[in-house]
Amino acid sequence: MEASLARWLRVTRERSHSSDVHVTHQSLAFMLGVRRAGVTRAASSLQASKLIVYSRGSLTILDRRALEAAACGWHAAGRKLYASVIG
């Protein structure tokens, strides 16, 4: 779950050109297809690792490179696929 959340955050940051994301745990759970409790645990873990700061629907990405590493390579593969479809 942590890798999925990290990937989603990296993609969102890349597309919005902002490190700030306004989203609730409930919305993240819906988008990722998991229970809200799973999002809470994953976000807490990323926050404990100082990759993000999250409080009441306001999330800030602190370290995008480390977040990419936390995504376990999913982000690079997704970016390559996206580029092949678009370009």
Foldseek 3Di string as FASTA:
>chain_A
DLLLVLLVLLVVCVVVVFQKFFADLVRVCVVSVHDSVVSVVSVVVCVVVVQWDDDDRIIGGDDNVVSCVSNVVPNVVVVVVVVVVPD
